[in-house]
Amino acid sequence: MFSSGGLISFDVFPEGWDKRLCLDVLEGEGLDAIYFFGNETSSGGNDYEIFNDPRTIGFTVYSPEDTARHCREIFFKAPANES
């Protein structure tokens, strides 16, 4: 099966598979939470299924900088020293 992998790529995987496949493995690791950051999180987007999975805490992001901002806000309470 082929699907859009985002703006510059495409994904190839067996029919019925998507990004949620990793969640079964991660659940077995005893993690308190699984965070997911994706840019195509609306219906039809390649991040939709994992973003909406009840096992993840999903965030829609728009750039690498936006992802970094979210991570700082979530995981590091002190503001970053940005110039």
Protein backbone atom coordinates (compact mmCIF):
# COMPACT_ATOMS: atom_id res chain seq x y z
CA MET A 1 0.00 0.00 0.00
CA PHE A 2 1.19 3.54 -0.77
CA SER A 3 0.16 6.75 0.95
CA SER A 4 1.35 10.31 1.18
CA GLY A 5 4.14 10.51 3.72
CA GLY A 6 3.90 14.27 4.03
CA LEU A 7 5.01 17.08 1.79
CA ILE A 8 8.13 15.43 0.37
CA SER A 9 7.76 11.67 0.79
CA PHE A 10 5.44 8.70 0.51
CA ASP A 11 4.97 5.65 2.75
CA VAL A 12 5.00 2.04 1.58
CA PHE A 13 3.68 -0.64 3.93
CA PRO A 14 1.45 -3.74 3.97
CA GLU A 15 -2.28 -3.09 3.68
CA GLY A 16 -3.84 -2.47 7.09
CA TRP A 17 -0.66 -1.06 8.64
CA ASP A 18 -0.16 2.56 9.62
CA LYS A 19 1.86 4.56 12.14
CA ARG A 20 -0.05 2.99 15.04
CA LEU A 21 1.91 -0.26 14.65
CA CYS A 22 4.62 1.10 16.97
CA LEU A 23 2.11 1.71 19.76
CA ASP A 24 1.84 -2.00 20.58
CA VAL A 25 5.60 -2.10 21.15
CA LEU A 26 5.67 1.15 23.12
CA GLU A 27 2.79 0.05 25.36
CA GLY A 28 4.90 -2.89 26.50
CA GLU A 29 7.66 -0.52 27.65
CA GLY A 30 5.65 0.73 30.63
CA LEU A 31 5.66 4.37 29.55
CA ASP A 32 3.46 6.83 31.41
CA ALA A 33 2.48 8.61 28.20
CA ILE A 34 3.11 8.47 24.46
CA TYR A 35 3.27 11.86 22.78
CA PHE A 36 2.82 12.26 19.03
CA PHE A 37 3.63 15.35 16.98
CA GLY A 38 2.39 15.47 13.40
CA ASN A 39 1.50 17.96 10.70
CA GLU A 40 -1.17 16.01 8.78
CA THR A 41 -3.52 15.19 11.65
CA SER A 42 -6.88 15.91 10.03
CA SER A 43 -9.04 13.22 8.43
CA GLY A 44 -7.25 11.81 5.39
CA GLY A 45 -3.82 12.94 6.58
CA ASN A 46 -1.02 10.44 7.07
CA ASP A 47 -0.84 11.26 10.80
CA TYR A 48 -4.59 11.03 11.45
CA GLU A 49 -4.82 7.49 12.87
CA ILE A 50 -1.98 7.75 15.38
CA PHE A 51 -2.92 11.33 16.32
CA ASN A 52 -6.45 10.20 17.22
CA ASP A 53 -5.48 6.91 18.88
CA PRO A 54 -6.52 6.92 22.56
CA ARG A 55 -3.04 5.68 23.51
CA THR A 56 -1.38 8.90 22.35
CA ILE A 57 -1.39 12.52 23.39
CA GLY A 58 -1.41 14.21 20.01
CA PHE A 59 -0.26 17.64 18.91
CA THR A 60 -0.64 19.22 15.49
CA VAL A 61 2.55 21.03 14.48
CA TYR A 62 3.41 23.17 11.50
CA SER A 63 7.23 23.17 11.37
CA PRO A 64 10.28 21.75 13.14
CA GLU A 65 10.43 24.98 15.15
CA ASP A 66 6.80 24.54 16.22
CA THR A 67 7.59 20.97 17.32
CA ALA A 68 10.55 22.24 19.36
CA ARG A 69 8.35 24.91 20.96
CA HIS A 70 5.76 22.33 21.99
CA CYS A 71 8.47 20.07 23.42
CA ARG A 72 9.96 22.93 25.45
CA GLU A 73 6.52 23.82 26.83
CA ILE A 74 5.64 20.22 27.70
CA PHE A 75 8.92 18.72 28.87
CA PHE A 76 10.97 21.70 30.03
CA LYS A 77 9.12 24.14 32.26
CA ALA A 78 11.80 26.87 32.10
CA PRO A 79 11.71 29.00 28.93
CA ALA A 80 14.48 28.42 26.41
CA ASN A 81 17.27 30.97 26.15
CA GLU A 82 16.56 32.12 22.61
CA SER A 83 18.29 34.97 20.84
